[in-house]
């Protein structure tokens, strides 16, 4: 599960880079630019929600297993 969360973090970072590049790109009109930026932002939001849910699931699994290692969760919350 930790690997999946790390992969989500990588995907979020890539999506944020894509958003930054999209902000610098030129578009035929403002509506197109807004639509493209909204699409990128929605992707980031979706990935952030997935990361949050995965971390919450990991916390529950650790709790059920009797593992209390806050460093694991703290690292993934960065």
PDB file of N, CA and C in Angstrom:
ATOM      1  N   UNK A   1       0.828  -1.189   0.000  1.00  0.00           N
ATOM      2  CA  UNK A   1       0.000   0.000   0.000  1.00  0.00           C
ATOM      3  C   UNK A   1       0.879   1.262   0.000  1.00  0.00           C
ATOM      4  N   UNK A   2       2.011   1.184   0.687  1.00  0.00           N
ATOM      5  CA  UNK A   2       2.915   2.333   0.722  1.00  0.00           C
ATOM      6  C   UNK A   2       3.431   2.642  -0.682  1.00  0.00           C
ATOM      7  N   UNK A   3       3.758   1.621  -1.444  1.00  0.00           N
ATOM      8  CA  UNK A   3       4.228   1.822  -2.823  1.00  0.00           C
ATOM      9  C   UNK A   3       3.155   2.504  -3.667  1.00  0.00           C
ATOM     10  N   UNK A   4       1.888   2.120  -3.451  1.00  0.00           N
ATOM     11  CA  UNK A   4       0.787   2.736  -4.207  1.00  0.00           C
ATOM     12  C   UNK A   4       0.666   4.214  -3.860  1.00  0.00           C
ATOM     13  N   UNK A   5       0.831   4.545  -2.594  1.00  0.00           N
ATOM     14  CA  UNK A   5       0.761   5.950  -2.175  1.00  0.00           C
ATOM     15  C   UNK A   5       1.949   6.721  -2.755  1.00  0.00           C
ATOM     16  N   UNK A   6       3.118   6.117  -2.729  1.00  0.00           N
ATOM     17  CA  UNK A   6       4.284   6.778  -3.326  1.00  0.00           C
ATOM     18  C   UNK A   6       4.070   7.012  -4.817  1.00  0.00           C
ATOM     19  N   UNK A   7       3.446   6.062  -5.478  1.00  0.00           N
ATOM     20  CA  UNK A   7       3.145   6.217  -6.917  1.00  0.00           C
ATOM     21  C   UNK A   7       2.155   7.362  -7.122  1.00  0.00           C
ATOM     22  N   UNK A   8       1.160   7.472  -6.252  1.00  0.00           N
ATOM     23  CA  UNK A   8       0.207   8.585  -6.349  1.00  0.00           C
ATOM     24  C   UNK A   8       0.926   9.918  -6.175  1.00  0.00           C
ATOM     25  N   UNK A   9       1.868   9.970  -5.251  1.00  0.00           N
ATOM     26  CA  UNK A   9       2.633  11.199  -5.038  1.00  0.00           C
ATOM     27  C   UNK A   9       3.408  11.567  -6.300  1.00  0.00           C
ATOM     28  N   UNK A  10       4.019  10.571  -6.939  1.00  0.00           N
ATOM     29  CA  UNK A  10       4.733  10.818  -8.193  1.00  0.00           C
ATOM     30  C   UNK A  10       3.779  11.332  -9.272  1.00  0.00           C
ATOM     31  N   UNK A  11       2.596  10.748  -9.328  1.00  0.00           N
ATOM     32  CA  UNK A  11       1.612  11.166 -10.323  1.00  0.00           C
ATOM     33  C   UNK A  11       1.147  12.595 -10.059  1.00  0.00           C
ATOM     34  N   UNK A  12       0.983  12.953  -8.788  1.00  0.00           N
ATOM     35  CA  UNK A  12       0.593  14.319  -8.433  1.00  0.00           C
ATOM     36  C   UNK A  12       1.677  15.294  -8.869  1.00  0.00           C
ATOM     37  N   UNK A  13       2.919  14.959  -8.590  1.00  0.00           N
ATOM     38  CA  UNK A  13       4.032  15.832  -8.989  1.00  0.00           C
ATOM     39  C   UNK A  13       4.068  16.014 -10.503  1.00  0.00           C
ATOM     40  N   UNK A  14       3.865  14.935 -11.242  1.00  0.00           N
ATOM     41  CA  UNK A  14       3.853  15.021 -12.709  1.00  0.00           C
ATOM     42  C   UNK A  14       2.679  15.872 -13.192  1.00  0.00           C
ATOM     43  N   UNK A  15       1.526  15.698 -12.561  1.00  0.00           N
ATOM     44  CA  UNK A  15       0.342  16.473 -12.944  1.00  0.00           C
ATOM     45  C   UNK A  15       0.545  17.953 -12.638  1.00  0.00           C
ATOM     46  N   UNK A  16       1.223  18.263 -11.532  1.00  0.00           N
ATOM     47  CA  UNK A  16       1.508  19.661 -11.200  1.00  0.00           C
ATOM     48  C   UNK A  16       2.473  20.278 -12.209  1.00  0.00           C
ATOM     49  N   UNK A  17       3.443  19.494 -12.664  1.00  0.00           N
ATOM     50  CA  UNK A  17       4.359  19.978 -13.698  1.00  0.00           C
ATOM     51  C   UNK A  17       3.608  20.230 -15.002  1.00  0.00           C
ATOM     52  N   UNK A  18       2.699  19.319 -15.340  1.00  0.00           N
ATOM     53  CA  UNK A  18       1.902  19.491 -16.562  1.00  0.00           C
ATOM     54  C   UNK A  18       1.037  20.742 -16.463  1.00  0.00           C
ATOM     55  N   UNK A  19       0.484  21.008 -15.294  1.00  0.00           N
ATOM     56  CA  UNK A  19      -0.321  22.214 -15.091  1.00  0.00           C
ATOM     57  C   UNK A  19       0.548  23.461 -15.261  1.00  0.00           C
ATOM     58  N   UNK A  20       1.736  23.441 -14.696  1.00  0.00           N
ATOM     59  CA  UNK A  20       2.632  24.600 -14.830  1.00  0.00           C
ATOM     60  C   UNK A  20       2.981  24.852 -16.295  1.00  0.00           C
ATOM     61  N   UNK A  21       3.234  23.781 -17.032  1.00  0.00           N
ATOM     62  CA  UNK A  21       3.535  23.927 -18.462  1.00  0.00           C
ATOM     63  C   UNK A  21       2.317  24.433 -19.224  1.00  0.00           C
ATOM     64  N   UNK A  22       1.145  23.939 -18.847  1.00  0.00           N
ATOM     65  CA  UNK A  22      -0.085  24.367 -19.522  1.00  0.00           C
ATOM     66  C   UNK A  22      -0.343  25.848 -19.281  1.00  0.00           C
ATOM     67  N   UNK A  23       0.024  26.340 -18.113  1.00  0.00           N
ATOM     68  CA  UNK A  23      -0.166  27.763 -17.815  1.00  0.00           C
ATOM     69  C   UNK A  23       0.700  28.638 -18.706  1.00  0.00           C
ATOM     70  N   UNK A  24       1.840  28.117 -19.129  1.00  0.00           N
ATOM     71  CA  UNK A  24       2.765  28.882 -19.957  1.00  0.00           C
ATOM     72  C   UNK A  24       2.489  28.733 -21.455  1.00  0.00           C
ATOM     73  N   UNK A  25       1.694  27.753 -21.822  1.00  0.00           N
ATOM     74  CA  UNK A  25       1.424  27.501 -23.239  1.00  0.00           C
ATOM     75  C   UNK A  25       0.510  28.582 -23.818  1.00  0.00           C
ATOM     76  N   UNK A  26       0.522  28.673 -25.145  1.00  0.00           N
ATOM     77  CA  UNK A  26      -0.383  29.628 -25.795  1.00  0.00           C
ATOM     78  C   UNK A  26      -1.605  28.874 -26.324  1.00  0.00           C
ATOM     79  N   UNK A  27      -2.731  29.539 -26.296  1.00  0.00           N
ATOM     80  CA  UNK A  27      -4.005  28.937 -26.690  1.00  0.00           C
ATOM     81  C   UNK A  27      -4.722  29.869 -27.653  1.00  0.00           C
ATOM     82  N   UNK A  28      -5.595  29.299 -28.470  1.00  0.00           N
ATOM     83  CA  UNK A  28      -6.292  30.139 -29.451  1.00  0.00           C
ATOM     84  C   UNK A  28      -7.231  31.163 -28.803  1.00  0.00           C
ATOM     85  N   UNK A  29      -7.743  30.839 -27.605  1.00  0.00           N
ATOM     86  CA  UNK A  29      -8.635  31.780 -26.922  1.00  0.00           C
ATOM     87  C   UNK A  29      -8.648  31.482 -25.418  1.00  0.00           C
ATOM     88  N   UNK A  30      -9.233  32.388 -24.661  1.00  0.00           N
ATOM     89  CA  UNK A  30      -9.261  32.264 -23.199  1.00  0.00           C
ATOM     90  C   UNK A  30     -10.086  31.071 -22.729  1.00  0.00           C
ATOM     91  N   UNK A  31     -11.163  30.776 -23.455  1.00  0.00           N
ATOM     92  CA  UNK A  31     -12.002  29.637 -23.058  1.00  0.00           C
ATOM     93  C   UNK A  31     -11.234  28.318 -23.154  1.00  0.00           C
ATOM     94  N   UNK A  32     -10.471  28.171 -24.198  1.00  0.00           N
ATOM     95  CA  UNK A  32      -9.667  26.952 -24.368  1.00  0.00           C
ATOM     96  C   UNK A  32      -8.643  26.842 -23.254  1.00  0.00           C
ATOM     97  N   UNK A  33      -7.975  27.949 -22.960  1.00  0.00           N
ATOM     98  CA  UNK A  33      -6.979  27.949 -21.896  1.00  0.00           C
ATOM     99  C   UNK A  33      -7.625  27.571 -20.568  1.00  0.00           C
ATOM    100  N   UNK A  34      -8.754  28.163 -20.261  1.00  0.00           N
ATOM    101  CA  UNK A  34      -9.460  27.871 -19.012  1.00  0.00           C
ATOM    102  C   UNK A  34      -9.847  26.407 -18.939  1.00  0.00           C
ATOM    103  N   UNK A  35     -10.356  25.861 -20.046  1.00  0.00           N
ATOM    104  CA  UNK A  35     -10.752  24.451 -20.072  1.00  0.00           C
ATOM    105  C   UNK A  35      -9.561  23.526 -19.836  1.00  0.00           C
ATOM    106  N   UNK A  36      -8.442  23.826 -20.471  1.00  0.00           N
ATOM    107  CA  UNK A  36      -7.240  22.997 -20.312  1.00  0.00           C
ATOM    108  C   UNK A  36      -6.725  23.077 -18.875  1.00  0.00           C
ATOM    109  N   UNK A  37      -6.659  24.284 -18.326  1.00  0.00           N
ATOM    110  CA  UNK A  37      -6.186  24.440 -16.950  1.00  0.00           C
ATOM    111  C   UNK A  37      -7.130  23.767 -15.961  1.00  0.00           C
ATOM    112  N   UNK A  38      -8.426  23.891 -16.200  1.00  0.00           N
ATOM    113  CA  UNK A  38      -9.404  23.213 -15.335  1.00  0.00           C
ATOM    114  C   UNK A  38      -9.222  21.700 -15.375  1.00  0.00           C
ATOM    115  N   UNK A  39      -8.968  21.162 -16.567  1.00  0.00           N
ATOM    116  CA  UNK A  39      -8.772  19.729 -16.709  1.00  0.00           C
ATOM    117  C   UNK A  39      -7.559  19.279 -15.892  1.00  0.00           C
ATOM    118  N   UNK A  40      -6.466  20.019 -15.997  1.00  0.00           N
ATOM    119  CA  UNK A  40      -5.256  19.676 -15.240  1.00  0.00           C
ATOM    120  C   UNK A  40      -5.508  19.790 -13.734  1.00  0.00           C
ATOM    121  N   UNK A  41      -6.192  20.845 -13.324  1.00  0.00           N
ATOM    122  CA  UNK A  41      -6.460  21.027 -11.898  1.00  0.00           C
ATOM    123  C   UNK A  41      -7.383  19.928 -11.370  1.00  0.00           C
ATOM    124  N   UNK A  42      -8.362  19.541 -12.156  1.00  0.00           N
ATOM    125  CA  UNK A  42      -9.259  18.455 -11.749  1.00  0.00           C
ATOM    126  C   UNK A  42      -8.497  17.138 -11.594  1.00  0.00           C
ATOM    127  N   UNK A  43      -7.532  16.907 -12.476  1.00  0.00           N
ATOM    128  CA  UNK A  43      -6.722  15.696 -12.374  1.00  0.00           C
ATOM    129  C   UNK A  43      -5.916  15.715 -11.074  1.00  0.00           C
ATOM    130  N   UNK A  44      -5.330  16.849 -10.748  1.00  0.00           N
ATOM    131  CA  UNK A  44      -4.573  16.973  -9.505  1.00  0.00           C
ATOM    132  C   UNK A  44      -5.481  16.738  -8.308  1.00  0.00           C
ATOM    133  N   UNK A  45      -6.641  17.357  -8.316  1.00  0.00           N
ATOM    134  CA  UNK A  45      -7.581  17.189  -7.212  1.00  0.00           C
ATOM    135  C   UNK A  45      -7.970  15.730  -7.034  1.00  0.00           C
ATOM    136  N   UNK A  46      -8.231  15.069  -8.122  1.00  0.00           N
ATOM    137  CA  UNK A  46      -8.607  13.659  -8.078  1.00  0.00           C
ATOM    138  C   UNK A  46      -7.484  12.801  -7.490  1.00  0.00           C
ATOM    139  N   UNK A  47      -6.259  13.056  -7.910  1.00  0.00           N
ATOM    140  CA  UNK A  47      -5.110  12.322  -7.386  1.00  0.00           C
ATOM    141  C   UNK A  47      -4.889  12.618  -5.901  1.00  0.00           C
ATOM    142  N   UNK A  48      -5.097  13.859  -5.495  1.00  0.00           N
ATOM    143  CA  UNK A  48      -4.957  14.226  -4.081  1.00  0.00           C
ATOM    144  C   UNK A  48      -5.995  13.490  -3.225  1.00  0.00           C
ATOM    145  N   UNK A  49      -7.229  13.405  -3.723  1.00  0.00           N
ATOM    146  CA  UNK A  49      -8.270  12.664  -2.998  1.00  0.00           C
ATOM    147  C   UNK A  49      -7.897  11.189  -2.891  1.00  0.00           C
ATOM    148  N   UNK A  50      -7.369  10.635  -3.960  1.00  0.00           N
ATOM    149  CA  UNK A  50      -6.971   9.223  -3.950  1.00  0.00           C
ATOM    150  C   UNK A  50      -5.830   9.009  -2.951  1.00  0.00           C
ATOM    151  N   UNK A  51      -4.880   9.924  -2.912  1.00  0.00           N
ATOM    152  CA  UNK A  51      -3.776   9.825  -1.950  1.00  0.00           C
ATOM    153  C   UNK A  51      -4.308   9.892  -0.527  1.00  0.00           C
ATOM    154  N   UNK A  52      -5.199  10.830  -0.284  1.00  0.00           N
ATOM    155  CA  UNK A  52      -5.791  10.974   1.055  1.00  0.00           C
ATOM    156  C   UNK A  52      -6.513   9.694   1.469  1.00  0.00           C
ATOM    157  N   UNK A  53      -7.311   9.148   0.575  1.00  0.00           N
ATOM    158  CA  UNK A  53      -8.042   7.912   0.881  1.00  0.00           C
ATOM    159  C   UNK A  53      -7.090   6.739   1.121  1.00  0.00           C
ATOM    160  N   UNK A  54      -6.022   6.668   0.346  1.00  0.00           N
ATOM    161  CA  UNK A  54      -5.055   5.581   0.507  1.00  0.00           C
ATOM    162  C   UNK A  54      -4.325   5.703   1.845  1.00  0.00           C
ATOM    163  N   UNK A  55      -3.973   6.918   2.230  1.00  0.00           N
ATOM    164  CA  UNK A  55      -3.302   7.123   3.518  1.00  0.00           C
ATOM    165  C   UNK A  55      -4.240   6.762   4.661  1.00  0.00           C
ATOM    166  N   UNK A  56      -5.481   7.151   4.523  1.00  0.00           N
ATOM    167  CA  UNK A  56      -6.478   6.815   5.544  1.00  0.00           C
ATOM    168  C   UNK A  56      -6.630   5.291   5.654  1.00  0.00           C
ATOM    169  N   UNK A  57      -6.647   4.605   4.525  1.00  0.00           N
ATOM    170  CA  UNK A  57      -6.725   3.148   4.522  1.00  0.00           C
ATOM    171  C   UNK A  57      -5.498   2.520   5.165  1.00  0.00           C
ATOM    172  N   UNK A  58      -4.332   3.080   4.888  1.00  0.00           N
ATOM    173  CA  UNK A  58      -3.100   2.591   5.492  1.00  0.00           C
ATOM    174  C   UNK A  58      -3.134   2.783   7.002  1.00  0.00           C
ATOM    175  N   UNK A  59      -3.612   3.937   7.447  1.00  0.00           N
ATOM    176  CA  UNK A  59      -3.716   4.193   8.877  1.00  0.00           C
ATOM    177  C   UNK A  59      -4.616   3.149   9.547  1.00  0.00           C
ATOM    178  N   UNK A  60      -5.735   2.865   8.912  1.00  0.00           N
ATOM    179  CA  UNK A  60      -6.668   1.872   9.460  1.00  0.00           C
ATOM    180  C   UNK A  60      -6.030   0.491   9.508  1.00  0.00           C
ATOM    181  N   UNK A  61      -5.340   0.126   8.436  1.00  0.00           N
ATOM    182  CA  UNK A  61      -4.687  -1.189   8.379  1.00  0.00           C
ATOM    183  C   UNK A  61      -3.602  -1.292   9.454  1.00  0.00           C
ATOM    184  N   UNK A  62      -2.849  -0.225   9.632  1.00  0.00           N
ATOM    185  CA  UNK A  62      -1.805  -0.231  10.657  1.00  0.00           C
ATOM    186  C   UNK A  62      -2.418  -0.336  12.046  1.00  0.00           C
ATOM    187  N   UNK A  63      -3.504   0.376  12.249  1.00  0.00           N
ATOM    188  CA  UNK A  63      -4.192   0.340  13.543  1.00  0.00           C
ATOM    189  C   UNK A  63      -4.687  -1.072  13.844  1.00  0.00           C
ATOM    190  N   UNK A  64      -5.310  -1.700  12.852  1.00  0.00           N
ATOM    191  CA  UNK A  64      -5.824  -3.061  13.024  1.00  0.00           C
ATOM    192  C   UNK A  64      -4.694  -4.058  13.283  1.00  0.00           C
ATOM    193  N   UNK A  65      -3.524  -3.805  12.697  1.00  0.00           N
ATOM    194  CA  UNK A  65      -2.385  -4.702  12.882  1.00  0.00           C
ATOM    195  C   UNK A  65      -1.597  -4.376  14.150  1.00  0.00           C
ATOM    196  N   UNK A  66      -1.993  -3.328  14.840  1.00  0.00           N
ATOM    197  CA  UNK A  66      -1.300  -2.943  16.059  1.00  0.00           C
ATOM    198  C   UNK A  66       0.032  -2.250  15.818  1.00  0.00           C
ATOM    199  N   UNK A  67       0.188  -1.662  14.656  1.00  0.00           N
ATOM    200  CA  UNK A  67       1.431  -0.958  14.311  1.00  0.00           C
ATOM    201  C   UNK A  67       1.222   0.532  14.543  1.00  0.00           C
ATOM    202  N   UNK A  68       2.093   1.111  15.321  1.00  0.00           N
ATOM    203  CA  UNK A  68       1.996   2.561  15.548  1.00  0.00           C
ATOM    204  C   UNK A  68       3.335   3.199  15.196  1.00  0.00           C
ATOM    205  N   UNK A  69       3.509   3.448  13.933  1.00  0.00           N
ATOM    206  CA  UNK A  69       4.737   4.060  13.425  1.00  0.00           C
ATOM    207  C   UNK A  69       4.350   5.352  12.709  1.00  0.00           C
ATOM    208  N   UNK A  70       4.240   6.459  13.463  1.00  0.00           N
ATOM    209  CA  UNK A  70       3.791   7.716  12.857  1.00  0.00           C
ATOM    210  C   UNK A  70       4.721   8.239  11.768  1.00  0.00           C
ATOM    211  N   UNK A  71       5.976   7.817  11.782  1.00  0.00           N
ATOM    212  CA  UNK A  71       6.922   8.277  10.761  1.00  0.00           C
ATOM    213  C   UNK A  71       6.518   7.866   9.372  1.00  0.00           C
ATOM    214  N   UNK A  72       5.915   6.692   9.235  1.00  0.00           N
ATOM    215  CA  UNK A  72       5.458   6.217   7.920  1.00  0.00           C
ATOM    216  C   UNK A  72       4.411   7.148   7.363  1.00  0.00           C
ATOM    217  N   UNK A  73       3.419   7.473   8.175  1.00  0.00           N
ATOM    218  CA  UNK A  73       2.321   8.340   7.735  1.00  0.00           C
ATOM    219  C   UNK A  73       2.834   9.760   7.491  1.00  0.00           C
ATOM    220  N   UNK A  74       3.674  10.250   8.382  1.00  0.00           N
ATOM    221  CA  UNK A  74       4.209  11.614   8.222  1.00  0.00           C
ATOM    222  C   UNK A  74       4.953  11.765   6.907  1.00  0.00           C
ATOM    223  N   UNK A  75       5.728  10.764   6.549  1.00  0.00           N
ATOM    224  CA  UNK A  75       6.488  10.820   5.285  1.00  0.00           C
ATOM    225  C   UNK A  75       5.557  10.882   4.080  1.00  0.00           C
ATOM    226  N   UNK A  76       4.449  10.159   4.152  1.00  0.00           N
ATOM    227  CA  UNK A  76       3.524  10.112   3.022  1.00  0.00           C
ATOM    228  C   UNK A  76       2.617  11.353   2.951  1.00  0.00           C
ATOM    229  N   UNK A  77       2.551  12.111   4.037  1.00  0.00           N
ATOM    230  CA  UNK A  77       1.690  13.286   4.086  1.00  0.00           C
ATOM    231  C   UNK A  77       2.394  14.529   3.539  1.00  0.00           C
ATOM    232  N   UNK A  78       3.663  14.423   3.220  1.00  0.00           N
ATOM    233  CA  UNK A  78       4.425  15.589   2.773  1.00  0.00           C
ATOM    234  C   UNK A  78       3.786  16.303   1.643  1.00  0.00           C
TER     235      UNK A  78
END
